[in-house]
């Protein structure tokens, strides 16, 4: 098996990208995905500053996407590796390649607590500041919230 990496293609094939996320357990438990999300599943990648993908021949096995100002701050929003390919260094290589693009930038990653140790092994430190968010309608779990701009 030879894994190749691509840092020029942002328009990843929607079907392969969705399959990668679903296989990794990132798409939720819905039996029928939202058609709009499914059709536009690669739009967050297309609109990102940097996308690095990992391929086994023509099979997408990993991807990372970054939003960055290219100087001060870069944020890894997704790092996903097919479970059948985990444990062989693909995730680490994706992050290494991301950081090589903006080596002097501060790097941030939002992740879940049970995964944070992975990033800590790669040099990330737990941030003790305050992070605030307004979830998207796709991550609210059917809880609505009203915004107040007064």
Protein backbone atom coordinates (compact mmCIF):
# COMPACT_ATOMS: atom_id res chain seq x y z
CA UNK A 1 0.00 0.00 0.00
CA UNK A 2 1.35 3.38 -1.03
CA UNK A 3 -0.42 6.45 0.33
CA UNK A 4 -0.12 9.61 -1.74
CA UNK A 5 -1.01 13.11 -0.53
CA UNK A 6 -2.55 15.98 -2.45
CA UNK A 7 -2.50 19.59 -1.31
CA UNK A 8 -3.92 21.17 -4.46
CA UNK A 9 -7.35 19.54 -4.82
CA UNK A 10 -10.12 21.01 -2.65
CA UNK A 11 -13.05 19.69 -4.68
CA UNK A 12 -12.94 16.18 -3.23
CA UNK A 13 -15.46 13.70 -4.67
CA UNK A 14 -18.65 14.13 -2.64
CA UNK A 15 -19.45 10.41 -2.54
CA UNK A 16 -15.97 9.44 -1.32
CA UNK A 17 -15.81 12.29 1.19
CA UNK A 18 -19.22 11.42 2.63
CA UNK A 19 -18.24 7.74 2.80
CA UNK A 20 -15.02 8.68 4.63
CA UNK A 21 -16.93 10.72 7.23
CA UNK A 22 -19.64 8.06 7.58
CA UNK A 23 -17.10 5.26 8.01
CA UNK A 24 -15.34 7.31 10.69
CA UNK A 25 -18.68 7.86 12.47
CA UNK A 26 -18.82 11.60 11.87
CA UNK A 27 -22.09 11.90 9.96
CA UNK A 28 -24.55 11.17 12.74
CA UNK A 29 -26.95 8.33 13.01
CA UNK A 30 -29.45 9.42 10.39
CA UNK A 31 -30.49 6.63 8.07
CA UNK A 32 -31.27 9.11 5.29
CA UNK A 33 -28.91 12.08 5.14
CA UNK A 34 -30.23 15.56 4.42
CA UNK A 35 -30.17 15.77 0.58
CA UNK A 36 -28.80 19.32 0.66
CA UNK A 37 -25.92 18.28 2.93
CA UNK A 38 -25.22 15.21 0.85
CA UNK A 39 -25.17 17.21 -2.40
CA UNK A 40 -22.88 19.87 -0.91
CA UNK A 41 -20.81 17.72 1.43
CA UNK A 42 -17.53 18.96 -0.07
CA UNK A 43 -18.39 22.69 0.10
CA UNK A 44 -16.67 23.22 3.48
CA UNK A 45 -13.53 21.80 1.87
CA UNK A 46 -13.84 23.86 -1.31
CA UNK A 47 -14.24 27.02 0.80
CA UNK A 48 -11.31 26.26 3.11
CA UNK A 49 -7.89 27.84 2.89
CA UNK A 50 -6.10 24.51 2.64
CA UNK A 51 -7.15 20.93 2.04
CA UNK A 52 -4.78 17.99 2.15
CA UNK A 53 -6.08 14.59 1.18
CA UNK A 54 -4.62 11.09 1.47
CA UNK A 55 -5.20 8.53 -1.25
CA UNK A 56 -4.67 4.80 -1.70
CA UNK A 57 -4.65 4.76 -5.48
CA UNK A 58 -7.95 6.50 -6.34
CA UNK A 59 -9.56 5.77 -2.94
CA UNK A 60 -9.83 8.71 -0.50
CA UNK A 61 -8.56 7.44 2.87
CA UNK A 62 -7.97 10.66 4.78
CA UNK A 63 -8.44 14.41 4.66
CA UNK A 64 -7.69 17.54 6.64
CA UNK A 65 -9.07 21.01 6.09
CA UNK A 66 -7.74 24.29 7.44
CA UNK A 67 -9.01 27.84 7.67
CA UNK A 68 -6.16 30.30 8.00
CA UNK A 69 -5.12 33.91 7.56
CA UNK A 70 -1.80 32.32 6.46
CA UNK A 71 0.23 34.35 8.99
CA UNK A 72 -1.16 34.59 12.53
CA UNK A 73 -3.68 31.80 13.05
CA UNK A 74 -4.64 28.54 11.41
CA UNK A 75 -7.45 26.24 12.53
CA UNK A 76 -7.82 22.57 11.67
CA UNK A 77 -11.54 22.00 11.27
CA UNK A 78 -11.52 18.42 10.09
CA UNK A 79 -9.01 15.63 10.31
CA UNK A 80 -10.53 12.32 9.33
CA UNK A 81 -8.92 9.00 8.42
CA UNK A 82 -10.70 5.85 7.29
CA UNK A 83 -10.70 3.46 10.28
CA UNK A 84 -9.14 0.74 8.11
CA UNK A 85 -6.14 3.06 7.56
CA UNK A 86 -5.77 4.41 11.09
CA UNK A 87 -2.66 3.70 13.11
CA UNK A 88 -0.20 3.90 10.23
CA UNK A 89 0.60 7.63 10.46
CA UNK A 90 -1.79 9.14 7.92
CA UNK A 91 -3.36 11.59 10.39
CA UNK A 92 0.03 12.66 11.68
CA UNK A 93 1.29 13.18 8.13
CA UNK A 94 -1.80 15.20 7.18
CA UNK A 95 -1.20 17.52 10.14
CA UNK A 96 2.53 17.75 9.41
CA UNK A 97 1.77 18.77 5.84
CA UNK A 98 -0.84 21.31 6.96
CA UNK A 99 1.61 22.93 9.37
CA UNK A 100 4.33 23.00 6.71
CA UNK A 101 2.16 25.35 4.64
CA UNK A 102 1.97 27.97 7.41
CA UNK A 103 4.89 27.10 9.72
CA UNK A 104 4.92 30.33 11.74
CA UNK A 105 1.18 30.39 12.39
CA UNK A 106 -0.49 29.60 15.70
CA UNK A 107 -2.34 26.31 15.24
CA UNK A 108 -5.71 25.53 16.81
CA UNK A 109 -7.91 22.47 16.63
CA UNK A 110 -11.36 21.91 18.05
CA UNK A 111 -11.91 18.31 19.01
CA UNK A 112 -13.72 16.10 21.45
CA UNK A 113 -12.19 15.34 24.84
CA UNK A 114 -11.69 11.62 24.13
CA UNK A 115 -9.59 12.48 21.05
CA UNK A 116 -7.61 15.38 22.54
CA UNK A 117 -4.74 13.12 23.64
CA UNK A 118 -3.98 12.37 19.98
CA UNK A 119 -3.36 16.06 19.31
CA UNK A 120 -1.42 16.52 22.53
CA UNK A 121 1.02 13.81 21.35
CA UNK A 122 1.57 15.95 18.24
CA UNK A 123 2.45 19.06 20.27
CA UNK A 124 -0.92 20.73 20.79
CA UNK A 125 -1.68 22.00 24.30
CA UNK A 126 -5.06 22.33 25.94
CA UNK A 127 -6.31 25.91 25.65
CA UNK A 128 -7.70 27.19 28.91
CA UNK A 129 -9.33 30.32 27.53
CA UNK A 130 -12.96 30.81 26.71
CA UNK A 131 -14.39 29.59 23.43
CA UNK A 132 -17.94 30.59 22.59
CA UNK A 133 -20.06 29.23 19.80
CA UNK A 134 -23.42 29.37 18.10
CA UNK A 135 -24.01 25.90 16.63
CA UNK A 136 -25.14 25.47 13.06
CA UNK A 137 -28.60 24.12 12.48
CA UNK A 138 -26.95 20.79 11.62
CA UNK A 139 -25.28 20.43 15.03
CA UNK A 140 -28.03 21.66 17.33
CA UNK A 141 -29.71 18.28 17.82
CA UNK A 142 -33.07 19.89 17.10
CA UNK A 143 -32.63 22.46 19.88
CA UNK A 144 -33.48 25.91 18.67
CA UNK A 145 -31.93 29.04 20.04
CA UNK A 146 -32.78 32.63 19.42
CA UNK A 147 -30.10 35.18 18.78
CA UNK A 148 -30.20 38.62 20.30
CA UNK A 149 -28.28 41.43 18.64
CA UNK A 150 -29.57 44.27 20.82
